[in-house]
Amino acid sequence: MILRILKTNQAYHFILIPLMIAGLWFRSYIHPDFFPFFEGENDMFLYQLINRALANSALANNLLSMVFVVVLAFFILKLNTEYAFIRVRTFLPSNIFVLILGGLLPLHTLHPVYFALLFLLLCVDRIFKSYELEKFHSSAFEAGFFIGLGSLFYFHLIFFFPITWIGFLLINKRTQWRNFILPVLGLAVPWLFTWSYYFLTDQIPVFVDTIVLNFDTDNRFFSGNRPLQIYLAYLMFISLLGSFFLLNQYDEKKISTRKNFQVFFLIMLTAVILLLFVPAVSQEIVIIMSLPLTYLISNYLIFMKRKVWGNLFVYLFIALIIYMQFVQ
């Protein structure tokens, strides 16, 4: 029953999704609070402008995070509608995305990773758009530019840059030298402007220290956080089921669909590597992981034959999200 409601392609989702977000974020506007940033995390070069503007209002931060989630949810819907890697028209990816974020209460306030995910989505859109195009120079430049711009909000997005090269090769397979150089130029442009500003204002030590803090600060969050461990373990469990299901479907998928899911796999793999090996990466990386997980879980729930299991998984997921509202 619940799965059928979430996966339909009816217009009521344009109201349901914002209502779900308002319900799941209720604590963030009843008891507004700031995210507990480590030193330098909220000082990234573009995010600090927004952080300063909203520094006096936790409620404004929390409400803006809700707006971001609404925008991201419908952008996720747009990607599937435009490129049809899940072969049915459905709102389920947007609903799954909202549910995943609904259990991450510390991130129900504004964080640089929301900007990063928006720019990553724009980058992925440019990669997918290159399918079977003979020339896609503007898309190659823009993909790198979006990664560069997003990394000025959330530094670790820069580590996703190799996906632009690999993604274009997977999707299009044309190996013209421009398709390797243009993403680098796109990445470099926003960073060059930023470095120039800090150089001209004699703040290069601040520039360097901010980058070092965003890479080197020990920000581990798993130990002692049992509710989050349970929540992420459930996400991992259902994601593994979805992965095995996708592998069984793989030969039946269109070539373009296979390539799209390969790009999502690269995003997930990069996020996991960052989580394991970069000290400053913390629970916020789950927001980026939610992009591939959203489509992987949605594909599983839509095409699984025994809908009773799909409904059970969704009910358990919702129960766990409700549990997270009271224990974090």
Protein backbone atom coordinates (compact mmCIF):
# COMPACT_ATOMS: atom_id res chain seq x y z
CA MET A 1 0.00 0.00 0.00
CA ILE A 2 2.61 2.57 1.05
CA LEU A 3 4.92 1.60 -1.82
CA ARG A 4 2.13 2.05 -4.36
CA ILE A 5 1.46 5.56 -3.04
CA LEU A 6 5.14 6.55 -3.15
CA LYS A 7 5.88 5.22 -6.63
CA THR A 8 2.90 6.53 -8.61
CA ASN A 9 3.33 9.24 -11.21
CA GLN A 10 0.47 11.41 -9.97
CA ALA A 11 0.55 15.19 -9.56
CA TYR A 12 -0.24 14.97 -5.82
CA HIS A 13 3.47 14.28 -5.22
CA PHE A 14 4.20 17.94 -5.90
CA ILE A 15 2.33 18.56 -2.63
CA LEU A 16 3.21 15.31 -0.85
CA ILE A 17 6.98 15.75 -1.12
CA PRO A 18 7.09 19.23 0.50
CA LEU A 19 4.68 17.96 3.19
CA MET A 20 6.94 14.97 3.89
CA ILE A 21 9.92 17.30 4.23
CA ALA A 22 8.00 19.63 6.54
CA GLY A 23 7.00 16.65 8.71
CA LEU A 24 10.44 15.07 8.87
CA TRP A 25 12.11 18.42 9.58
CA PHE A 26 9.66 19.35 12.37
CA ARG A 27 12.35 19.37 15.06
CA SER A 28 14.53 21.72 13.03
CA TYR A 29 11.99 24.54 13.17
CA ILE A 30 10.53 23.75 16.60
CA HIS A 31 14.02 23.57 18.16
CA PRO A 32 16.29 25.22 15.56
CA ASP A 33 20.01 24.72 15.94
CA PHE A 34 23.21 25.19 13.95
CA PHE A 35 25.30 22.36 12.56
CA PRO A 36 28.34 21.67 14.79
CA PHE A 37 30.98 22.63 12.22
CA PHE A 38 34.62 21.87 12.85
CA GLU A 39 37.03 24.77 12.44
CA GLY A 40 37.28 25.73 8.77
CA GLU A 41 34.31 23.63 7.56
CA ASN A 42 31.99 26.63 7.34
CA ASP A 43 34.82 28.87 6.09
CA MET A 44 35.06 27.42 2.59
CA PHE A 45 35.41 30.29 0.20
CA LEU A 46 31.85 30.61 -1.12
CA TYR A 47 29.96 29.02 1.75
CA GLN A 48 31.36 31.51 4.26
CA LEU A 49 29.44 34.30 2.50
CA ILE A 50 26.14 32.51 3.15
CA ASN A 51 27.21 31.43 6.61
CA ARG A 52 27.92 35.02 7.62
CA ALA A 53 24.60 36.23 6.24
CA LEU A 54 22.66 33.61 8.23
CA ALA A 55 24.92 33.44 11.29
CA ASN A 56 22.32 34.98 13.60
CA SER A 57 19.40 32.74 12.68
CA ALA A 58 19.39 28.98 13.21
CA LEU A 59 15.79 28.91 12.00
CA ALA A 60 16.74 30.53 8.68
CA ASN A 61 19.49 27.91 8.23
CA ASN A 62 17.06 25.09 8.92
CA LEU A 63 14.35 26.44 6.63
CA LEU A 64 16.85 26.97 3.82
CA SER A 65 17.96 23.34 4.14
CA MET A 66 14.33 22.32 3.61
CA VAL A 67 14.16 24.44 0.46
CA PHE A 68 17.33 22.77 -0.79
CA VAL A 69 15.90 19.30 -0.21
CA VAL A 70 12.73 20.20 -2.16
CA VAL A 71 14.83 21.49 -5.09
CA LEU A 72 17.15 18.48 -5.03
CA ALA A 73 14.24 16.03 -4.83
CA PHE A 74 12.65 17.44 -7.97
CA PHE A 75 16.01 17.63 -9.75
CA ILE A 76 16.44 13.91 -9.04
CA LEU A 77 13.00 13.36 -10.56
CA LYS A 78 14.01 15.41 -13.62
CA LEU A 79 17.10 13.27 -14.23
CA ASN A 80 15.10 10.05 -14.32
CA THR A 81 12.35 11.61 -16.46
CA GLU A 82 14.88 12.92 -18.99
CA TYR A 83 17.22 9.92 -19.22
CA ALA A 84 14.85 7.09 -18.18
CA PHE A 85 17.41 4.84 -16.47
CA ILE A 86 14.46 3.55 -14.44
CA ARG A 87 12.14 2.55 -17.24
CA VAL A 88 8.91 3.84 -15.71
CA ARG A 89 7.71 7.33 -14.87
CA THR A 90 7.62 7.45 -11.11
CA PHE A 91 8.12 9.82 -8.18
CA LEU A 92 9.71 7.07 -6.10
CA PRO A 93 13.33 8.33 -6.47
CA SER A 94 12.35 11.73 -5.08
CA ASN A 95 10.44 10.13 -2.20
CA ILE A 96 13.30 7.75 -1.36
CA PHE A 97 15.74 10.68 -1.42
CA VAL A 98 13.59 12.61 1.08
CA LEU A 99 13.27 9.55 3.33
CA ILE A 100 17.05 8.92 3.34
CA LEU A 101 17.72 12.51 4.39
CA GLY A 102 14.84 12.40 6.86
CA GLY A 103 16.81 10.15 9.20
CA LEU A 104 19.90 12.39 9.28
CA LEU A 105 18.76 14.90 11.89
CA PRO A 106 22.06 16.77 12.38
CA LEU A 107 21.86 17.64 8.67
CA HIS A 108 18.38 19.14 8.93
CA THR A 109 20.13 22.48 8.91
CA LEU A 110 22.17 24.21 6.25
CA HIS A 111 25.45 22.52 5.34
CA PRO A 112 27.86 23.06 2.41
CA VAL A 113 27.18 19.52 1.18
CA TYR A 114 23.72 20.60 -0.04
CA PHE A 115 25.37 23.01 -2.47
CA ALA A 116 27.83 20.27 -3.44
CA LEU A 117 25.04 17.81 -4.29
CA LEU A 118 23.26 20.43 -6.42
CA PHE A 119 26.42 21.04 -8.47
CA LEU A 120 27.14 17.31 -8.68
CA LEU A 121 23.65 16.79 -10.11
CA LEU A 122 24.33 19.49 -12.70
CA CYS A 123 27.63 17.77 -13.55
CA VAL A 124 25.95 14.36 -13.93
CA ASP A 125 23.29 15.95 -16.14
CA ARG A 126 26.03 17.24 -18.49
CA ILE A 127 27.69 13.82 -18.59
CA PHE A 128 24.45 12.01 -19.40
CA LYS A 129 23.60 14.63 -22.03
CA SER A 130 26.69 13.69 -24.04
CA TYR A 131 25.32 10.24 -24.95
CA GLU A 132 25.76 9.65 -28.72
CA LEU A 133 26.74 13.29 -29.33
CA GLU A 134 29.64 13.76 -31.73
CA LYS A 135 30.74 16.99 -30.03
CA PHE A 136 30.04 17.86 -26.42
CA HIS A 137 32.74 20.42 -25.66
CA SER A 138 30.43 22.78 -23.77
CA SER A 139 29.13 19.91 -21.60
CA ALA A 140 32.72 18.82 -20.84
CA PHE A 141 33.70 22.32 -19.73
CA GLU A 142 30.50 22.83 -17.72
CA ALA A 143 30.87 19.46 -15.93
CA GLY A 144 34.31 20.47 -14.66
CA PHE A 145 33.11 23.97 -13.86
CA PHE A 146 30.24 22.69 -11.70
CA ILE A 147 32.63 20.45 -9.73
CA GLY A 148 34.99 23.39 -9.23
CA LEU A 149 32.21 25.74 -8.17
CA GLY A 150 30.66 23.17 -5.80
CA SER A 151 34.04 22.46 -4.20
CA LEU A 152 34.28 26.12 -3.18
CA PHE A 153 31.29 25.36 -0.94
CA TYR A 154 32.25 21.81 0.10
CA PHE A 155 35.92 21.09 -0.49
CA HIS A 156 35.66 17.31 -0.86
CA LEU A 157 33.56 17.59 -4.01
CA ILE A 158 36.84 18.21 -5.84
CA PHE A 159 37.69 14.52 -5.37
CA PHE A 160 34.73 13.64 -7.59
CA PHE A 161 36.37 15.41 -10.53
CA PRO A 162 37.86 12.22 -12.10
CA ILE A 163 34.27 11.06 -12.61
CA THR A 164 33.95 13.72 -15.31
CA TRP A 165 36.71 12.06 -17.36
CA ILE A 166 35.60 8.49 -16.68
CA GLY A 167 31.92 9.41 -17.05
CA PHE A 168 32.36 10.94 -20.50
CA LEU A 169 34.38 7.91 -21.61
CA LEU A 170 31.68 5.55 -20.33
CA ILE A 171 28.78 7.49 -21.80
CA ASN A 172 30.29 8.58 -25.11
CA LYS A 173 33.66 6.80 -25.61
CA ARG A 174 35.06 9.55 -27.85
CA THR A 175 38.63 10.14 -26.73
CA GLN A 176 39.33 13.57 -28.25
CA TRP A 177 41.94 15.49 -26.29
CA ARG A 178 39.51 18.39 -25.79
CA ASN A 179 37.24 16.15 -23.72
CA PHE A 180 40.08 15.75 -21.19
CA ILE A 181 41.35 19.32 -21.21
CA LEU A 182 38.02 21.17 -21.10
CA PRO A 183 36.86 19.68 -17.76
CA VAL A 184 40.23 20.65 -16.23
CA LEU A 185 39.79 24.21 -17.51
CA GLY A 186 36.24 24.28 -16.14
CA LEU A 187 37.47 23.07 -12.75
CA ALA A 188 40.31 25.59 -12.72
CA VAL A 189 38.29 28.72 -13.52
CA PRO A 190 36.44 29.18 -10.16
CA TRP A 191 39.54 28.17 -8.18
CA LEU A 192 41.72 30.60 -10.15
CA PHE A 193 39.35 33.48 -9.42
CA THR A 194 39.27 32.52 -5.74
CA TRP A 195 43.05 32.22 -5.47
CA SER A 196 43.42 35.58 -7.24
CA TYR A 197 41.17 37.27 -4.69
CA TYR A 198 43.13 35.86 -1.75
CA PHE A 199 46.42 36.72 -3.44
CA LEU A 200 45.41 40.30 -4.18
CA THR A 201 44.15 40.76 -0.60
CA ASP A 202 47.31 39.22 0.85
CA GLN A 203 45.44 36.29 2.43
CA ILE A 204 47.20 33.29 0.88
CA PRO A 205 47.93 31.79 4.37
CA VAL A 206 44.18 31.89 5.07
CA PHE A 207 43.53 30.23 1.69
CA VAL A 208 45.97 27.41 2.45
CA ASP A 209 44.88 26.93 6.08
CA THR A 210 41.22 26.60 5.06
CA ILE A 211 42.04 23.82 2.61
CA VAL A 212 44.27 22.01 5.14
CA LEU A 213 41.58 22.17 7.85
CA ASN A 214 38.96 20.78 5.44
CA PHE A 215 41.21 17.84 4.64
CA ASP A 216 43.10 17.10 7.84
CA THR A 217 40.62 17.69 10.69
CA ASP A 218 39.70 14.44 12.43
CA ASN A 219 35.91 14.37 12.27
CA ARG A 220 34.94 10.75 12.86
CA PHE A 221 31.33 10.25 13.87
CA PHE A 222 30.61 6.50 14.06
CA SER A 223 32.01 5.57 17.45
CA GLY A 224 29.39 5.79 20.16
CA ASN A 225 26.63 6.84 17.76
CA ARG A 226 24.58 3.63 17.86
CA PRO A 227 21.36 5.02 16.30
CA LEU A 228 23.30 6.29 13.27
CA GLN A 229 25.11 2.95 12.99
CA ILE A 230 21.75 1.13 12.92
CA TYR A 231 20.33 3.57 10.38
CA LEU A 232 23.28 3.34 8.01
CA ALA A 233 23.41 -0.45 8.41
CA TYR A 234 19.80 -0.67 7.21
CA LEU A 235 20.60 1.61 4.25
CA MET A 236 23.57 -0.62 3.43
CA PHE A 237 21.43 -3.76 3.68
CA ILE A 238 18.72 -2.57 1.30
CA SER A 239 21.36 -1.10 -1.03
CA LEU A 240 23.10 -4.47 -1.25
CA LEU A 241 19.79 -6.12 -2.10
CA GLY A 242 19.25 -3.46 -4.77
CA SER A 243 22.77 -4.02 -6.14
CA PHE A 244 22.30 -7.78 -6.53
CA PHE A 245 18.90 -7.17 -8.10
CA LEU A 246 20.42 -4.71 -10.60
CA LEU A 247 23.16 -7.20 -11.52
CA ASN A 248 20.48 -9.78 -12.31
CA GLN A 249 18.69 -7.22 -14.50
CA TYR A 250 21.84 -5.88 -16.09
CA ASP A 251 21.65 -7.69 -19.45
CA GLU A 252 18.02 -6.58 -19.85
CA LYS A 253 18.83 -2.88 -19.43
CA LYS A 254 19.41 -0.53 -22.34
CA ILE A 255 23.03 0.33 -23.06
CA SER A 256 22.51 3.95 -21.98
CA THR A 257 20.93 2.79 -18.72
CA ARG A 258 23.88 0.52 -17.94
CA LYS A 259 26.28 3.41 -18.52
CA ASN A 260 24.24 5.72 -16.31
CA PHE A 261 24.30 3.24 -13.44
CA GLN A 262 28.06 2.85 -13.91
CA VAL A 263 28.43 6.60 -13.32
CA PHE A 264 26.30 6.30 -10.16
CA PHE A 265 28.51 3.43 -9.01
CA LEU A 266 31.59 5.67 -9.42
CA ILE A 267 29.93 8.36 -7.30
CA MET A 268 29.17 5.83 -4.57
CA LEU A 269 32.67 4.35 -4.72
CA THR A 270 34.31 7.78 -4.49
CA ALA A 271 32.14 8.72 -1.50
CA VAL A 272 33.03 5.49 0.33
CA ILE A 273 36.76 6.00 -0.32
CA LEU A 274 36.55 9.56 1.03
CA LEU A 275 34.71 8.35 4.11
CA LEU A 276 37.37 5.74 4.81
CA PHE A 277 40.52 7.71 4.06
CA VAL A 278 39.87 11.45 4.48
CA PRO A 279 39.76 12.40 8.18
CA ALA A 280 37.52 15.45 7.74
CA VAL A 281 34.77 13.57 5.88
CA SER A 282 31.87 12.82 8.20
CA GLN A 283 28.17 11.96 8.10
CA GLU A 284 27.49 14.72 5.55
CA ILE A 285 28.92 12.48 2.80
CA VAL A 286 25.75 10.36 3.14
CA ILE A 287 23.94 13.27 1.44
CA ILE A 288 26.07 12.68 -1.66
CA MET A 289 25.76 8.90 -1.31
CA SER A 290 21.99 9.36 -1.37
CA LEU A 291 22.14 10.24 -5.09
CA PRO A 292 23.16 6.76 -6.33
CA LEU A 293 21.33 5.02 -3.47
CA THR A 294 18.09 6.76 -4.42
CA TYR A 295 18.05 5.27 -7.91
CA LEU A 296 19.42 1.89 -6.83
CA ILE A 297 16.79 1.39 -4.13
CA SER A 298 14.01 2.76 -6.35
CA ASN A 299 14.90 0.37 -9.17
CA TYR A 300 14.76 -2.52 -6.70
CA LEU A 301 11.42 -1.56 -5.15
CA ILE A 302 9.73 -0.86 -8.49
CA PHE A 303 10.68 -4.06 -10.31
CA MET A 304 10.75 -6.62 -7.47
CA LYS A 305 8.11 -9.27 -8.05
CA ARG A 306 6.87 -9.71 -4.47
CA LYS A 307 5.44 -6.33 -3.55
CA VAL A 308 4.78 -7.49 0.00
CA TRP A 309 8.54 -7.40 0.59
CA GLY A 310 8.80 -3.95 -0.94
CA ASN A 311 6.09 -2.64 1.37
CA LEU A 312 7.77 -4.30 4.36
CA PHE A 313 11.11 -2.67 3.52
CA VAL A 314 9.47 0.76 3.21
CA TYR A 315 7.50 0.37 6.47
CA LEU A 316 10.70 -0.65 8.29
CA PHE A 317 12.51 2.29 6.74
CA ILE A 318 9.84 4.75 7.86
CA ALA A 319 9.77 3.23 11.36
CA LEU A 320 13.55 3.63 11.58
CA ILE A 321 13.32 7.26 10.41
CA ILE A 322 10.71 7.98 13.09
CA TYR A 323 12.98 6.31 15.65
CA MET A 324 15.83 8.60 14.57
CA GLN A 325 13.68 11.67 15.24
CA PHE A 326 13.70 10.92 18.99
CA VAL A 327 17.13 9.45 19.67
CA GLN A 328 19.52 11.91 18.01
